[in-house]
């Protein structure tokens, strides 16, 4: 699957990646999503967790590993796919260039879902996935009406389950 997309001209699939003519810093958020989905497919929960967090850092640096593994396992299950295409990133208004939202089209069980990934730039300049909008996927599989569920890096003082459902 190769697609020509706006200013990034990116095409990706689970079988391979084609990125051309892009400044390396612009590719970083896209590569994080690719690595995250590859880790999810391989069941590499730690690898997923190293790419998930907030501006302050990864969830591994903040939360107990047992909780992190449960969250990453849930995400890997929800993101199981037959292929994907990463769309054009857009800066998140009000975040002063420190966050981008990137729609990812996932092929799942003969259906296609667009799942928005929000990535933030850490103080050290790394990109981490802060939020994965799973509303369309979870409502389709549960048969419920669309919900506001998503997987977001939970604040330190809240339960992670509230962030999922």
N, C-alpha and C. Protein backbone atom coordinates (compact mmCIF):
# COMPACT_ATOMS: atom_id res chain seq x y z
N UNK A 1 0.82 -1.17 0.00
CA UNK A 1 0.00 0.00 0.00
C UNK A 1 0.87 1.24 0.00
N UNK A 2 0.80 2.01 -1.00
CA UNK A 2 1.60 3.22 -1.01
C UNK A 2 0.68 4.37 -1.39
N UNK A 3 0.75 5.44 -0.67
CA UNK A 3 -0.09 6.59 -0.95
C UNK A 3 0.73 7.86 -0.94
N UNK A 4 0.34 8.80 -1.76
CA UNK A 4 1.01 10.09 -1.76
C UNK A 4 0.16 11.02 -0.91
N UNK A 5 0.72 11.52 0.16
CA UNK A 5 -0.04 12.29 1.13
C UNK A 5 0.57 13.66 1.32
N UNK A 6 -0.20 14.69 1.00
CA UNK A 6 0.13 16.09 1.27
C UNK A 6 1.61 16.42 1.36
N UNK A 7 1.94 17.15 2.39
CA UNK A 7 3.31 17.62 2.53
C UNK A 7 4.28 16.54 2.96
N UNK A 8 3.82 15.41 3.44
CA UNK A 8 4.75 14.37 3.86
C UNK A 8 4.97 13.28 2.82
N UNK A 9 4.05 13.12 1.91
CA UNK A 9 4.18 12.08 0.88
C UNK A 9 4.58 10.75 1.49
N UNK A 10 3.72 10.23 2.35
CA UNK A 10 4.02 9.01 3.09
C UNK A 10 3.09 7.91 2.66
N UNK A 11 3.62 6.72 2.50
CA UNK A 11 2.79 5.54 2.30
C UNK A 11 3.33 4.44 3.17
N UNK A 12 2.46 3.76 3.88
CA UNK A 12 2.92 2.71 4.79
C UNK A 12 1.96 1.55 4.74
N UNK A 13 2.49 0.39 5.04
CA UNK A 13 1.67 -0.80 5.22
C UNK A 13 2.38 -1.69 6.21
N UNK A 14 1.66 -2.65 6.72
CA UNK A 14 2.29 -3.52 7.70
C UNK A 14 3.41 -4.35 7.08
N UNK A 15 3.42 -4.50 5.78
CA UNK A 15 4.46 -5.26 5.12
C UNK A 15 5.72 -4.43 4.88
N UNK A 16 5.63 -3.12 4.86
CA UNK A 16 6.79 -2.31 4.58
C UNK A 16 6.46 -0.84 4.64
N UNK A 17 7.46 -0.02 4.44
CA UNK A 17 7.30 1.41 4.57
C UNK A 17 7.94 2.09 3.38
N UNK A 18 7.29 3.11 2.89
CA UNK A 18 7.86 3.91 1.84
C UNK A 18 7.69 5.37 2.24
N UNK A 19 8.80 6.04 2.51
CA UNK A 19 8.75 7.44 2.90
C UNK A 19 9.77 8.15 2.03
N UNK A 20 9.34 9.19 1.36
CA UNK A 20 10.28 9.87 0.48
C UNK A 20 10.24 11.37 0.59
N UNK A 21 11.39 12.00 0.46
CA UNK A 21 11.49 13.44 0.38
C UNK A 21 11.03 14.18 1.62
N UNK A 22 11.26 13.62 2.78
CA UNK A 22 10.76 14.23 4.00
C UNK A 22 11.93 14.52 4.93
N UNK A 23 11.91 15.67 5.57
CA UNK A 23 12.92 15.98 6.57
C UNK A 23 12.81 14.97 7.71
N UNK A 24 13.92 14.42 8.19
CA UNK A 24 13.87 13.37 9.21
C UNK A 24 13.04 13.72 10.44
N UNK A 25 13.08 14.95 10.91
CA UNK A 25 12.30 15.33 12.09
C UNK A 25 10.80 15.22 11.81
N UNK A 26 10.38 15.49 10.58
CA UNK A 26 8.97 15.38 10.22
C UNK A 26 8.51 13.93 10.22
N UNK A 27 9.41 13.00 9.94
CA UNK A 27 9.05 11.59 9.90
C UNK A 27 8.94 10.97 11.27
N UNK A 28 9.56 11.56 12.27
CA UNK A 28 9.64 10.95 13.59
C UNK A 28 8.29 10.50 14.14
N UNK A 29 7.23 11.31 14.12
CA UNK A 29 5.95 10.83 14.65
C UNK A 29 5.40 9.63 13.87
N UNK A 30 5.58 9.63 12.58
CA UNK A 30 5.12 8.53 11.74
C UNK A 30 5.88 7.25 12.10
N UNK A 31 7.18 7.37 12.26
CA UNK A 31 7.99 6.21 12.62
C UNK A 31 7.60 5.66 13.99
N UNK A 32 7.25 6.53 14.92
CA UNK A 32 6.82 6.06 16.24
C UNK A 32 5.57 5.19 16.10
N UNK A 33 4.63 5.63 15.27
CA UNK A 33 3.41 4.82 15.06
C UNK A 33 3.77 3.49 14.42
N UNK A 34 4.64 3.51 13.42
CA UNK A 34 5.05 2.26 12.77
C UNK A 34 5.69 1.30 13.77
N UNK A 35 6.60 1.81 14.59
CA UNK A 35 7.26 0.96 15.58
C UNK A 35 6.25 0.44 16.60
N UNK A 36 5.32 1.30 17.01
CA UNK A 36 4.31 0.91 17.99
C UNK A 36 3.43 -0.21 17.44
N UNK A 37 2.96 -0.06 16.20
CA UNK A 37 2.11 -1.10 15.61
C UNK A 37 2.88 -2.39 15.36
N UNK A 38 4.15 -2.28 15.03
CA UNK A 38 5.00 -3.47 14.86
C UNK A 38 5.18 -4.17 16.20
N UNK A 39 5.43 -3.41 17.25
CA UNK A 39 5.58 -3.99 18.59
C UNK A 39 4.27 -4.63 19.04
N UNK A 40 3.14 -3.98 18.75
CA UNK A 40 1.83 -4.53 19.13
C UNK A 40 1.61 -5.87 18.44
N UNK A 41 1.92 -5.92 17.16
CA UNK A 41 1.74 -7.16 16.40
C UNK A 41 2.62 -8.28 16.95
N UNK A 42 3.82 -7.93 17.42
CA UNK A 42 4.76 -8.92 17.94
C UNK A 42 4.50 -9.25 19.40
N UNK A 43 3.58 -8.53 20.04
CA UNK A 43 3.33 -8.75 21.46
C UNK A 43 4.43 -8.21 22.34
N UNK A 44 5.19 -7.24 21.83
CA UNK A 44 6.28 -6.62 22.58
C UNK A 44 5.72 -5.48 23.43
N UNK A 45 5.20 -5.82 24.60
CA UNK A 45 4.54 -4.85 25.46
C UNK A 45 5.50 -3.77 25.95
N UNK A 46 6.70 -4.16 26.27
CA UNK A 46 7.69 -3.18 26.72
C UNK A 46 8.04 -2.20 25.58
N UNK A 47 8.21 -2.74 24.37
CA UNK A 47 8.48 -1.88 23.23
C UNK A 47 7.36 -0.88 22.99
N UNK A 48 6.12 -1.33 23.16
CA UNK A 48 4.97 -0.43 23.02
C UNK A 48 5.04 0.66 24.10
N UNK A 49 5.31 0.24 25.33
CA UNK A 49 5.32 1.18 26.46
C UNK A 49 6.42 2.23 26.33
N UNK A 50 7.52 1.89 25.68
CA UNK A 50 8.59 2.86 25.48
C UNK A 50 8.19 3.96 24.51
N UNK A 51 7.08 3.77 23.79
CA UNK A 51 6.61 4.75 22.80
C UNK A 51 5.31 5.43 23.23
N UNK A 52 4.84 5.18 24.44
CA UNK A 52 3.57 5.69 24.93
C UNK A 52 3.82 6.52 26.17
N UNK A 53 3.31 7.75 26.19
CA UNK A 53 3.53 8.59 27.36
C UNK A 53 3.02 10.00 27.17
N UNK A 54 3.60 10.90 27.92
CA UNK A 54 3.23 12.31 27.88
C UNK A 54 4.48 13.15 27.59
N UNK A 55 4.30 14.43 27.61
CA UNK A 55 5.41 15.34 27.38
C UNK A 55 6.53 15.11 28.39
N UNK A 56 6.16 14.63 29.57
CA UNK A 56 7.14 14.40 30.64
C UNK A 56 7.93 13.11 30.46
N UNK A 57 7.45 12.18 29.65
CA UNK A 57 8.18 10.94 29.42
C UNK A 57 7.26 9.74 29.26
N UNK A 58 7.85 8.56 29.20
CA UNK A 58 7.09 7.34 28.94
C UNK A 58 6.32 6.88 30.18
N UNK A 59 5.31 6.04 29.94
CA UNK A 59 4.56 5.46 31.05
C UNK A 59 5.46 4.55 31.87
N UNK A 60 6.48 3.98 31.27
CA UNK A 60 7.42 3.11 32.00
C UNK A 60 8.16 3.87 33.10
N UNK A 61 8.42 5.13 32.85
CA UNK A 61 9.15 5.94 33.83
C UNK A 61 8.26 6.36 34.99
N UNK A 62 6.95 6.20 34.84
CA UNK A 62 6.03 6.73 35.83
C UNK A 62 5.18 5.69 36.53
N UNK A 63 4.72 4.69 35.79
CA UNK A 63 3.73 3.75 36.32
C UNK A 63 4.35 2.39 36.62
N UNK A 64 3.74 1.64 37.54
CA UNK A 64 4.22 0.28 37.81
C UNK A 64 4.14 -0.59 36.55
N UNK A 65 5.17 -1.40 36.35
CA UNK A 65 5.25 -2.21 35.14
C UNK A 65 4.04 -3.13 34.98
N UNK A 66 3.49 -3.62 36.08
CA UNK A 66 2.33 -4.51 35.98
C UNK A 66 1.13 -3.79 35.37
N UNK A 67 0.91 -2.53 35.74
CA UNK A 67 -0.19 -1.76 35.16
C UNK A 67 0.09 -1.45 33.69
N UNK A 68 1.33 -1.10 33.40
CA UNK A 68 1.70 -0.76 32.03
C UNK A 68 1.49 -1.96 31.11
N UNK A 69 1.90 -3.14 31.56
CA UNK A 69 1.73 -4.34 30.75
C UNK A 69 0.26 -4.63 30.46
N UNK A 70 -0.60 -4.44 31.46
CA UNK A 70 -2.04 -4.67 31.25
C UNK A 70 -2.57 -3.70 30.19
N UNK A 71 -2.20 -2.43 30.28
CA UNK A 71 -2.66 -1.44 29.30
C UNK A 71 -2.16 -1.74 27.90
N UNK A 72 -0.87 -2.09 27.80
CA UNK A 72 -0.30 -2.36 26.48
C UNK A 72 -0.90 -3.63 25.88
N UNK A 73 -1.18 -4.62 26.72
CA UNK A 73 -1.82 -5.84 26.23
C UNK A 73 -3.22 -5.51 25.68
N UNK A 74 -3.97 -4.68 26.41
CA UNK A 74 -5.30 -4.27 25.94
C UNK A 74 -5.19 -3.53 24.60
N UNK A 75 -4.23 -2.62 24.51
CA UNK A 75 -4.04 -1.89 23.26
C UNK A 75 -3.66 -2.82 22.11
N UNK A 76 -2.74 -3.73 22.35
CA UNK A 76 -2.32 -4.65 21.30
C UNK A 76 -3.51 -5.45 20.79
N UNK A 77 -4.39 -5.86 21.70
CA UNK A 77 -5.58 -6.61 21.29
C UNK A 77 -6.51 -5.76 20.45
N UNK A 78 -6.72 -4.52 20.86
CA UNK A 78 -7.62 -3.63 20.13
C UNK A 78 -7.06 -3.18 18.78
N UNK A 79 -5.74 -3.17 18.65
CA UNK A 79 -5.11 -2.69 17.42
C UNK A 79 -4.72 -3.81 16.47
N UNK A 80 -5.10 -5.05 16.78
CA UNK A 80 -4.79 -6.17 15.90
C UNK A 80 -5.40 -5.88 14.53
N UNK A 81 -4.56 -5.95 13.49
CA UNK A 81 -5.03 -5.54 12.17
C UNK A 81 -4.42 -6.39 11.07
N UNK A 82 -5.01 -6.24 9.87
CA UNK A 82 -4.52 -6.94 8.69
C UNK A 82 -3.67 -6.04 7.80
N UNK A 83 -3.56 -4.79 8.15
CA UNK A 83 -2.78 -3.82 7.39
C UNK A 83 -3.18 -2.42 7.81
N UNK A 84 -2.34 -1.46 7.49
CA UNK A 84 -2.64 -0.08 7.87
C UNK A 84 -2.02 0.90 6.89
N UNK A 85 -2.58 2.10 6.89
CA UNK A 85 -2.04 3.22 6.13
C UNK A 85 -2.00 4.42 7.04
N UNK A 86 -0.86 5.07 7.13
CA UNK A 86 -0.71 6.25 7.96
C UNK A 86 -0.97 7.47 7.09
N UNK A 87 -1.90 8.30 7.54
CA UNK A 87 -2.30 9.49 6.79
C UNK A 87 -1.42 10.69 7.16
N UNK A 88 -1.78 11.84 6.63
CA UNK A 88 -1.02 13.07 6.82
C UNK A 88 -1.17 13.62 8.24
N UNK A 89 -0.06 13.90 8.91
CA UNK A 89 -0.13 14.49 10.26
C UNK A 89 -0.65 15.92 10.22
N UNK A 90 -1.30 16.31 11.30
CA UNK A 90 -1.74 17.69 11.47
C UNK A 90 -1.34 18.14 12.86
N UNK A 91 -0.83 19.37 12.97
CA UNK A 91 -0.51 19.90 14.29
C UNK A 91 -1.79 20.11 15.07
N UNK A 92 -1.72 19.86 16.37
CA UNK A 92 -2.87 20.04 17.25
C UNK A 92 -2.93 21.50 17.66
N UNK A 93 -4.02 22.21 17.34
CA UNK A 93 -4.13 23.62 17.70
C UNK A 93 -3.99 23.82 19.21
N UNK A 94 -3.27 24.88 19.57
CA UNK A 94 -3.10 25.22 20.98
C UNK A 94 -1.94 24.50 21.65
N UNK A 95 -1.28 23.62 20.93
CA UNK A 95 -0.17 22.87 21.54
C UNK A 95 1.19 23.40 21.05
N UNK A 96 1.19 24.51 20.34
CA UNK A 96 2.40 25.20 19.90
C UNK A 96 3.42 24.28 19.22
N UNK A 97 2.94 23.43 18.33
CA UNK A 97 3.83 22.55 17.59
C UNK A 97 4.34 21.37 18.39
N UNK A 98 3.89 21.24 19.62
CA UNK A 98 4.36 20.17 20.47
C UNK A 98 3.54 18.90 20.39
N UNK A 99 2.51 18.90 19.54
CA UNK A 99 1.67 17.70 19.40
C UNK A 99 1.15 17.63 17.98
N UNK A 100 1.02 16.40 17.48
CA UNK A 100 0.43 16.17 16.17
C UNK A 100 -0.61 15.07 16.30
N UNK A 101 -1.62 15.15 15.44
CA UNK A 101 -2.59 14.07 15.34
C UNK A 101 -2.43 13.44 13.97
N UNK A 102 -2.33 12.11 13.97
CA UNK A 102 -2.12 11.39 12.73
C UNK A 102 -3.18 10.31 12.60
N UNK A 103 -4.06 10.43 11.61
CA UNK A 103 -5.04 9.36 11.37
C UNK A 103 -4.36 8.13 10.78
N UNK A 104 -4.73 6.97 11.28
CA UNK A 104 -4.21 5.71 10.77
C UNK A 104 -5.41 4.88 10.34
N UNK A 105 -5.43 4.48 9.09
CA UNK A 105 -6.51 3.60 8.60
C UNK A 105 -6.09 2.16 8.84
N UNK A 106 -6.85 1.48 9.70
CA UNK A 106 -6.56 0.09 10.03
C UNK A 106 -7.55 -0.82 9.34
N UNK A 107 -7.05 -1.86 8.69
CA UNK A 107 -7.90 -2.91 8.11
C UNK A 107 -8.04 -3.99 9.17
N UNK A 108 -9.28 -4.22 9.60
CA UNK A 108 -9.54 -5.17 10.67
C UNK A 108 -10.74 -6.04 10.32
N UNK A 109 -10.51 -7.33 10.22
CA UNK A 109 -11.59 -8.29 9.98
C UNK A 109 -12.49 -7.89 8.82
N UNK A 110 -11.90 -7.46 7.75
CA UNK A 110 -12.66 -7.09 6.55
C UNK A 110 -13.28 -5.70 6.60
N UNK A 111 -13.00 -4.95 7.63
CA UNK A 111 -13.52 -3.58 7.75
C UNK A 111 -12.35 -2.62 7.85
N UNK A 112 -12.63 -1.35 7.63
CA UNK A 112 -11.59 -0.33 7.74
C UNK A 112 -12.03 0.71 8.76
N UNK A 113 -11.11 1.07 9.64
CA UNK A 113 -11.36 2.05 10.68
C UNK A 113 -10.28 3.11 10.63
N UNK A 114 -10.67 4.36 10.83
CA UNK A 114 -9.68 5.43 10.97
C UNK A 114 -9.52 5.70 12.46
N UNK A 115 -8.29 5.53 12.91
CA UNK A 115 -7.96 5.66 14.33
C UNK A 115 -6.97 6.81 14.47
N UNK A 116 -7.36 7.89 15.16
CA UNK A 116 -6.42 9.00 15.34
C UNK A 116 -5.41 8.72 16.45
N UNK A 117 -4.15 8.93 16.15
CA UNK A 117 -3.07 8.84 17.13
C UNK A 117 -2.61 10.26 17.42
N UNK A 118 -2.58 10.65 18.69
CA UNK A 118 -2.04 11.95 19.08
C UNK A 118 -0.66 11.70 19.67
N UNK A 119 0.34 12.39 19.13
CA UNK A 119 1.70 12.26 19.61
C UNK A 119 2.18 13.59 20.16
N UNK A 120 2.99 13.53 21.21
CA UNK A 120 3.54 14.73 21.82
C UNK A 120 5.06 14.66 21.78
N UNK A 121 5.65 15.84 21.72
CA UNK A 121 7.11 15.92 21.76
C UNK A 121 7.52 16.12 23.22
N UNK A 122 8.43 15.26 23.69
CA UNK A 122 8.90 15.37 25.07
C UNK A 122 9.86 16.55 25.20
N UNK A 123 10.20 16.88 26.42
CA UNK A 123 11.16 17.94 26.66
C UNK A 123 12.52 17.62 26.05
N UNK A 124 12.81 16.32 25.87
CA UNK A 124 14.07 15.90 25.26
C UNK A 124 13.98 15.83 23.73
N UNK A 125 12.81 16.11 23.17
CA UNK A 125 12.65 16.12 21.72
C UNK A 125 12.15 14.82 21.12
N UNK A 126 11.89 13.80 21.94
CA UNK A 126 11.33 12.52 21.44
C UNK A 126 9.84 12.68 21.21
N UNK A 127 9.30 11.87 20.32
CA UNK A 127 7.86 11.82 20.10
C UNK A 127 7.30 10.58 20.78
N UNK A 128 6.22 10.75 21.54
CA UNK A 128 5.54 9.65 22.21
C UNK A 128 4.05 9.69 21.86
N UNK A 129 3.43 8.54 21.83
CA UNK A 129 1.99 8.46 21.61
C UNK A 129 1.31 8.80 22.93
N UNK A 130 0.48 9.84 22.91
CA UNK A 130 -0.23 10.28 24.11
C UNK A 130 -1.65 9.73 24.15
N UNK A 131 -2.25 9.57 22.97
CA UNK A 131 -3.65 9.15 22.90
C UNK A 131 -3.89 8.37 21.63
N UNK A 132 -4.70 7.33 21.74
CA UNK A 132 -5.14 6.58 20.57
C UNK A 132 -6.66 6.56 20.62
N UNK A 133 -7.31 7.18 19.65
CA UNK A 133 -8.77 7.27 19.62
C UNK A 133 -9.38 5.97 19.11
N UNK A 134 -9.84 5.16 20.02
CA UNK A 134 -10.37 3.84 19.66
C UNK A 134 -11.90 3.79 19.62
N UNK A 135 -12.55 4.93 19.66
CA UNK A 135 -14.01 4.97 19.72
C UNK A 135 -14.68 4.14 18.63
N UNK A 136 -14.27 4.33 17.40
CA UNK A 136 -14.89 3.61 16.29
C UNK A 136 -14.69 2.11 16.36
N UNK A 137 -13.51 1.70 16.77
CA UNK A 137 -13.20 0.27 16.87
C UNK A 137 -13.99 -0.37 18.00
N UNK A 138 -13.96 0.25 19.18
CA UNK A 138 -14.62 -0.37 20.33
C UNK A 138 -16.13 -0.39 20.16
N UNK A 139 -16.71 0.65 19.58
CA UNK A 139 -18.17 0.64 19.40
C UNK A 139 -18.58 -0.36 18.33
N UNK A 140 -17.76 -0.55 17.31
CA UNK A 140 -18.10 -1.51 16.25
C UNK A 140 -18.07 -2.94 16.77
N UNK A 141 -17.07 -3.25 17.59
CA UNK A 141 -16.95 -4.63 18.08
C UNK A 141 -17.91 -4.92 19.21
N UNK A 142 -18.31 -3.88 19.97
CA UNK A 142 -19.23 -4.13 21.08
C UNK A 142 -20.68 -4.02 20.64
N UNK A 143 -20.93 -3.43 19.46
CA UNK A 143 -22.29 -3.25 18.99
C UNK A 143 -22.97 -2.06 19.63
N UNK A 144 -22.24 -1.32 20.44
CA UNK A 144 -22.81 -0.15 21.12
C UNK A 144 -22.83 1.05 20.18
N UNK A 145 -23.49 2.07 20.65
CA UNK A 145 -23.46 3.34 19.96
C UNK A 145 -22.06 3.92 20.11
N UNK A 146 -21.66 4.83 19.23
CA UNK A 146 -20.34 5.44 19.37
C UNK A 146 -20.17 6.02 20.76
N UNK A 147 -18.97 5.83 21.30
CA UNK A 147 -18.69 6.30 22.65
C UNK A 147 -17.55 7.29 22.62
N UNK A 148 -17.15 7.74 23.78
CA UNK A 148 -16.02 8.65 23.87
C UNK A 148 -14.79 7.94 24.38
N UNK A 149 -14.76 6.62 24.27
CA UNK A 149 -13.61 5.88 24.79
C UNK A 149 -12.38 6.12 23.93
N UNK A 150 -11.26 6.12 24.59
CA UNK A 150 -9.99 6.21 23.91
C UNK A 150 -8.92 5.74 24.87
N UNK A 151 -7.76 5.48 24.35
CA UNK A 151 -6.65 5.12 25.20
C UNK A 151 -5.77 6.34 25.27
N UNK A 152 -5.70 6.93 26.42
CA UNK A 152 -4.90 8.12 26.65
C UNK A 152 -3.97 7.81 27.80
N UNK A 153 -2.81 8.40 27.77
CA UNK A 153 -1.93 8.25 28.90
C UNK A 153 -2.61 8.89 30.09
N UNK A 154 -2.91 8.11 31.13
CA UNK A 154 -3.65 8.67 32.26
C UNK A 154 -2.78 9.58 33.10
N UNK A 155 -3.41 10.60 33.69
CA UNK A 155 -2.67 11.43 34.64
C UNK A 155 -2.24 10.56 35.81
N UNK A 156 -1.24 11.00 36.52
CA UNK A 156 -0.70 10.23 37.63
C UNK A 156 -1.77 9.91 38.66
N UNK A 157 -2.70 10.82 38.91
CA UNK A 157 -3.65 10.64 40.00
C UNK A 157 -4.98 9.98 39.59
N UNK A 158 -5.06 9.43 38.40
CA UNK A 158 -6.32 8.79 38.00
C UNK A 158 -6.09 7.34 37.63
N UNK A 159 -7.15 6.56 37.73
CA UNK A 159 -7.07 5.15 37.36
C UNK A 159 -7.00 5.01 35.85
N UNK A 160 -6.19 4.07 35.39
CA UNK A 160 -6.01 3.92 33.95
C UNK A 160 -7.24 3.38 33.29
N UNK A 161 -8.07 2.64 34.00
CA UNK A 161 -9.26 2.07 33.38
C UNK A 161 -10.21 3.17 32.89
N UNK A 162 -10.26 4.28 33.61
CA UNK A 162 -11.09 5.40 33.17
C UNK A 162 -10.64 5.94 31.83
N UNK A 163 -9.36 5.78 31.52
CA UNK A 163 -8.85 6.28 30.25
C UNK A 163 -9.23 5.37 29.09
N UNK A 164 -9.53 4.12 29.37
CA UNK A 164 -9.85 3.19 28.29
C UNK A 164 -11.32 3.23 27.98
N UNK A 165 -12.18 3.14 28.99
CA UNK A 165 -13.61 3.00 28.74
C UNK A 165 -14.40 4.18 29.21
